[in-house]
Amino acid sequence: MAFGLIIIGDEILSGKRSDKHLPKVIELLGERGLQLAWAEIVGDDPARITATLRRTLAGPDVVFSCGGIGATPDDHTRQCAAAALGVPLELHQEGKLLVQERIRETAREAGREADLESPDNLQRLKMAEFPAGSRLIPNPYNRIPGFTIAHHHFVPGFPVMAWPMIAWVLDNLYADQFHREARAERALLVYEQPESLLTPLMEMLETRYPGIRVFSLPSVGDAQTRRHIELGVKGEPEQVAAAFDEMQAELDRIAAEYTLV
């Protein structure tokens, strides 16, 4: 099972805000023995959001989408998800009650009674309009829910809401996937060597050990260390151990200088 992430919002692409969802989703998945397979950032363009969701809904991946599910004119995700699925938006009755309870709570905090029929409060009910057939994702921060449909899970852009909602989805819908695959990773730093010299070694290891992937992360160096390549293997633990031993043996053979990470 592969997991993907869509981050929606012009503010990320313009640089007004820095994305925090990607590292947190990687962390949430990693804590459960899972991995993120891909991530995309999409601006507040309805046509582009719809096309992205139409493509991902046609695939098998579990997808989290962060952002754009509010009730302001620049929030398009709910409408785009419905369009991508070819279904109408519907006012979710349980979602309506949750939004109304939040309206009452906000009014009480301000020392007044809520008028549920006022134009602004009727507008807020749009936050409970979801594609037909959606299920709710509880929001522990303010009770305004997200929604799940098919294998896609839509949460707000606010980290304080989105992250516990993603954790809830994982723990309640995908617990059977946790820690199903044992994984290992080992790496070392190879100093003052060109990647072209190490490429044949990397190709040979991936051919010989199909359960692993080899990676190289070059660095030009800094005040603490000189030019190097972080060279490593990750994947099935037994194959990682064997491939790493073979990697070290080859580096010793060519007299390359390296240190373990």
Protein backbone atom coordinates (compact mmCIF):
# COMPACT_ATOMS: atom_id res chain seq x y z
CA MET A 1 0.00 0.00 0.00
CA ALA A 2 1.44 3.36 -1.07
CA PHE A 3 0.66 6.71 0.57
CA GLY A 4 0.62 10.07 -1.17
CA LEU A 5 0.22 13.68 -0.04
CA ILE A 6 -1.37 16.67 -1.79
CA ILE A 7 -0.76 20.12 -0.29
CA ILE A 8 -3.13 22.78 -1.61
CA GLY A 9 -2.65 26.53 -1.43
CA ASP A 10 -1.26 29.51 -3.31
CA GLU A 11 0.41 30.68 -0.10
CA ILE A 12 2.87 27.78 -0.29
CA LEU A 13 3.77 28.39 -3.93
CA SER A 14 4.11 32.14 -3.42
CA GLY A 15 6.33 31.73 -0.38
CA LYS A 16 3.96 33.55 1.99
CA ARG A 17 3.95 30.42 4.13
CA SER A 18 6.38 27.54 4.40
CA ASP A 19 4.96 24.04 4.13
CA LYS A 20 5.11 22.02 7.34
CA HIS A 21 2.88 19.14 6.27
CA LEU A 22 5.44 17.15 4.28
CA PRO A 23 7.93 16.48 7.13
CA LYS A 24 5.10 15.86 9.61
CA VAL A 25 3.30 13.35 7.39
CA ILE A 26 6.61 11.56 6.82
CA GLU A 27 7.01 11.45 10.61
CA LEU A 28 3.45 10.21 11.26
CA LEU A 29 3.82 7.46 8.69
CA GLY A 30 7.30 6.50 9.89
CA GLU A 31 6.10 6.10 13.47
CA ARG A 32 3.74 3.43 12.15
CA GLY A 33 6.22 1.62 9.94
CA LEU A 34 4.87 3.25 6.77
CA GLN A 35 6.44 5.45 4.09
CA LEU A 36 5.36 8.35 1.92
CA ALA A 37 5.62 7.42 -1.76
CA TRP A 38 5.03 10.87 -3.29
CA ALA A 39 3.90 14.44 -2.59
CA GLU A 40 2.55 17.28 -4.74
CA ILE A 41 1.85 20.97 -4.10
CA VAL A 42 -1.05 22.51 -6.01
CA GLY A 43 -2.18 26.15 -6.03
CA ASP A 44 -5.75 27.37 -5.59
CA ASP A 45 -6.67 26.71 -9.21
CA PRO A 46 -9.92 24.69 -9.41
CA ALA A 47 -9.13 23.18 -12.82
CA ARG A 48 -5.69 22.02 -11.67
CA ILE A 49 -6.99 20.70 -8.34
CA THR A 50 -9.76 18.78 -10.12
CA ALA A 51 -7.35 17.31 -12.66
CA THR A 52 -4.94 16.27 -9.91
CA LEU A 53 -7.68 14.59 -7.88
CA ARG A 54 -9.17 12.90 -10.94
CA ARG A 55 -5.77 11.37 -11.63
CA THR A 56 -5.04 10.28 -8.06
CA LEU A 57 -8.55 8.95 -7.46
CA ALA A 58 -8.09 6.72 -10.49
CA GLY A 59 -5.02 5.15 -8.90
CA PRO A 60 -4.64 2.75 -5.97
CA ASP A 61 -2.74 4.99 -3.53
CA VAL A 62 -4.05 6.23 -0.20
CA VAL A 63 -3.91 10.03 -0.43
CA PHE A 64 -4.03 12.77 2.20
CA SER A 65 -5.02 16.23 0.98
CA CYS A 66 -4.28 19.26 3.17
CA GLY A 67 -5.99 22.60 2.62
CA GLY A 68 -8.83 24.29 0.81
CA ILE A 69 -11.83 22.78 2.63
CA GLY A 70 -13.08 25.98 4.26
CA ALA A 71 -16.01 28.14 3.16
CA THR A 72 -14.26 31.17 1.66
CA PRO A 73 -14.03 31.89 -2.10
CA ASP A 74 -10.44 30.63 -2.33
CA ASP A 75 -11.37 27.22 -0.87
CA HIS A 76 -12.04 24.86 -3.78
CA THR A 77 -11.07 21.38 -2.59
CA ARG A 78 -14.53 20.12 -1.65
CA GLN A 79 -16.01 21.21 -4.97
CA CYS A 80 -13.05 19.87 -6.95
CA ALA A 81 -13.21 16.48 -5.24
CA ALA A 82 -16.90 16.21 -6.15
CA ALA A 83 -16.18 17.21 -9.74
CA ALA A 84 -13.32 14.72 -9.99
CA LEU A 85 -15.64 11.95 -8.79
CA GLY A 86 -18.61 13.08 -10.86
CA VAL A 87 -20.89 13.35 -7.82
CA PRO A 88 -22.75 16.32 -6.29
CA LEU A 89 -21.87 18.18 -3.12
CA GLU A 90 -24.31 17.38 -0.32
CA LEU A 91 -24.82 18.88 3.11
CA HIS A 92 -23.68 16.11 5.44
CA GLN A 93 -26.22 15.98 8.25
CA GLU A 94 -23.81 14.94 10.99
CA GLY A 95 -21.32 17.48 9.71
CA LYS A 96 -24.04 20.17 9.82
CA LEU A 97 -24.69 19.43 13.49
CA LEU A 98 -20.97 19.66 14.28
CA VAL A 99 -20.65 23.01 12.52
CA GLN A 100 -23.74 24.35 14.30
CA GLU A 101 -22.39 23.22 17.66
CA ARG A 102 -19.17 25.08 16.92
CA ILE A 103 -21.20 28.19 16.01
CA ARG A 104 -23.07 27.98 19.33
CA GLU A 105 -19.85 27.45 21.23
CA THR A 106 -18.20 30.48 19.60
CA ALA A 107 -21.25 32.60 20.38
CA ARG A 108 -21.28 31.51 24.04
CA GLU A 109 -17.60 32.41 24.34
CA ALA A 110 -18.52 35.90 23.09
CA GLY A 111 -21.38 36.16 25.60
CA ARG A 112 -24.27 36.01 23.14
CA GLU A 113 -26.77 33.59 21.63
CA ALA A 114 -26.09 32.13 18.21
CA ASP A 115 -28.44 32.93 15.33
CA LEU A 116 -28.14 29.83 13.16
CA GLU A 117 -30.18 31.46 10.38
CA SER A 118 -27.94 34.51 9.98
CA PRO A 119 -26.25 34.81 6.57
CA ASP A 120 -22.75 34.34 7.97
CA ASN A 121 -23.73 31.21 9.90
CA LEU A 122 -25.54 29.77 6.90
CA GLN A 123 -22.34 30.39 4.93
CA ARG A 124 -20.39 28.43 7.56
CA LEU A 125 -22.56 25.39 6.83
CA LYS A 126 -20.74 25.08 3.51
CA MET A 127 -17.91 23.57 5.57
CA ALA A 128 -20.19 20.53 5.96
CA GLU A 129 -20.90 20.20 2.23
CA PHE A 130 -18.95 17.19 0.97
CA PRO A 131 -19.04 14.96 -2.11
CA ALA A 132 -21.98 12.55 -1.89
CA GLY A 133 -20.97 9.40 -0.05
CA SER A 134 -18.30 11.03 2.11
CA ARG A 135 -17.53 9.99 5.67
CA LEU A 136 -16.39 12.40 8.36
CA ILE A 137 -12.90 12.80 9.82
CA PRO A 138 -13.21 14.17 13.38
CA ASN A 139 -11.42 17.40 14.20
CA PRO A 140 -10.31 17.48 17.85
CA TYR A 141 -9.37 21.15 17.68
CA ASN A 142 -12.69 22.80 16.82
CA ARG A 143 -14.96 19.92 15.70
CA ILE A 144 -15.25 21.20 12.08
CA PRO A 145 -14.76 17.86 10.29
CA GLY A 146 -12.75 16.81 7.31
CA PHE A 147 -13.98 14.09 4.99
CA THR A 148 -13.00 10.77 3.49
CA ILE A 149 -14.19 9.45 0.16
CA ALA A 150 -12.79 6.45 -1.69
CA HIS A 151 -9.14 6.19 -0.58
CA HIS A 152 -8.66 9.96 -0.22
CA HIS A 153 -8.72 11.85 3.07
CA PHE A 154 -9.25 15.62 3.12
CA VAL A 155 -8.19 17.74 6.10
CA PRO A 156 -7.72 21.49 6.71
CA GLY A 157 -4.50 23.32 5.97
CA PHE A 158 -3.97 24.32 9.60
CA PRO A 159 -1.35 21.97 11.11
CA VAL A 160 -2.98 22.09 14.56
CA MET A 161 -6.05 20.47 12.99
CA ALA A 162 -4.61 18.50 10.08
CA TRP A 163 -1.99 16.48 11.92
CA PRO A 164 -4.20 14.86 14.59
CA MET A 165 -6.82 14.23 11.90
CA ILE A 166 -4.27 12.41 9.72
CA ALA A 167 -3.13 10.41 12.75
CA TRP A 168 -6.77 9.47 13.43
CA VAL A 169 -7.23 8.25 9.86
CA LEU A 170 -4.09 6.13 10.03
CA ASP A 171 -4.95 4.62 13.42
CA ASN A 172 -8.58 3.91 12.61
CA LEU A 173 -8.45 2.88 8.95
CA TYR A 174 -4.96 1.52 8.30
CA ALA A 175 -3.74 -0.04 11.54
CA ASP A 176 -3.55 -3.40 9.78
CA GLN A 177 -0.78 -1.96 7.60
CA PHE A 178 1.47 -0.84 10.46
CA HIS A 179 4.96 -2.33 10.65
CA ARG A 180 4.17 -5.02 8.09
CA GLU A 181 7.52 -4.71 6.37
CA ALA A 182 10.76 -4.80 8.30
CA ARG A 183 13.08 -2.16 6.90
CA ALA A 184 16.65 -1.15 7.53
CA GLU A 185 19.01 1.56 6.33
CA ARG A 186 22.77 1.86 6.54
CA ALA A 187 25.04 4.53 5.14
CA LEU A 188 28.58 5.88 5.11
CA LEU A 189 30.37 9.01 3.93
CA VAL A 190 32.81 8.54 1.06
CA TYR A 191 35.32 11.38 0.79
CA GLU A 192 36.74 13.05 -2.32
CA GLN A 193 35.36 10.50 -4.81
CA PRO A 194 33.34 11.27 -7.98
CA GLU A 195 29.85 9.77 -8.26
CA SER A 196 30.81 8.33 -11.64
CA LEU A 197 33.31 6.04 -9.89
CA LEU A 198 30.65 4.78 -7.47
CA THR A 199 27.81 4.34 -9.97
CA PRO A 200 28.85 0.87 -11.20
CA LEU A 201 28.99 -0.31 -7.58
CA MET A 202 25.51 1.03 -6.92
CA GLU A 203 24.10 -0.61 -10.06
CA MET A 204 25.72 -3.94 -9.21
CA LEU A 205 24.29 -3.93 -5.67
CA GLU A 206 20.74 -3.20 -6.82
CA THR A 207 20.99 -6.00 -9.39
CA ARG A 208 22.38 -8.50 -6.93
CA TYR A 209 20.02 -7.57 -4.08
CA PRO A 210 16.51 -6.87 -5.43
CA GLY A 211 15.16 -6.18 -1.94
CA ILE A 212 17.23 -3.01 -1.49
CA ARG A 213 17.64 0.42 -3.00
CA VAL A 214 20.96 2.24 -3.12
CA PHE A 215 21.19 6.00 -2.64
CA SER A 216 23.87 8.65 -2.96
CA LEU A 217 23.68 12.19 -1.58
CA PRO A 218 26.60 14.36 -2.73
CA SER A 219 27.82 17.30 -0.65
CA VAL A 220 30.31 19.99 -1.58
CA GLY A 221 31.29 20.18 2.08
CA ASP A 222 31.17 23.00 4.62
CA ALA A 223 33.10 24.32 7.61
CA GLN A 224 32.67 21.01 9.43
CA THR A 225 33.42 18.50 6.69
CA ARG A 226 35.04 18.30 3.27
CA ARG A 227 33.53 17.15 -0.02
CA HIS A 228 31.82 13.76 0.31
CA ILE A 229 29.02 11.49 -0.83
CA GLU A 230 26.62 9.87 1.61
CA LEU A 231 26.33 6.38 0.13
CA GLY A 232 23.87 3.90 1.54
CA VAL A 233 21.39 1.08 1.13
CA LYS A 234 17.85 0.68 2.45
CA GLY A 235 15.22 -2.03 2.30
CA GLU A 236 14.86 -5.61 3.52
CA PRO A 237 17.14 -5.97 6.60
CA GLU A 238 19.06 -9.13 5.65
CA GLN A 239 19.74 -7.89 2.13
CA VAL A 240 20.72 -4.46 3.48
CA ALA A 241 23.30 -6.07 5.76
CA ALA A 242 24.76 -8.19 2.96
CA ALA A 243 24.79 -5.34 0.43
CA PHE A 244 26.39 -2.95 2.89
CA ASP A 245 29.15 -5.44 3.68
CA GLU A 246 29.81 -5.83 -0.03
CA MET A 247 29.79 -2.06 -0.49
CA GLN A 248 32.43 -1.62 2.21
CA ALA A 249 34.56 -4.40 0.73
CA GLU A 250 34.55 -2.72 -2.68
CA LEU A 251 35.41 0.67 -1.19
CA ASP A 252 38.29 -0.95 0.67
CA ARG A 253 39.44 -2.56 -2.56
CA ILE A 254 39.68 0.77 -4.37
CA ALA A 255 41.25 2.39 -1.27
CA ALA A 256 38.45 4.94 -0.89
CA GLU A 257 38.36 6.88 2.37
CA TYR A 258 35.05 6.62 4.22
CA THR A 259 33.46 6.82 7.65
CA LEU A 260 30.29 5.13 8.90
CA VAL A 261 27.26 7.30 9.55
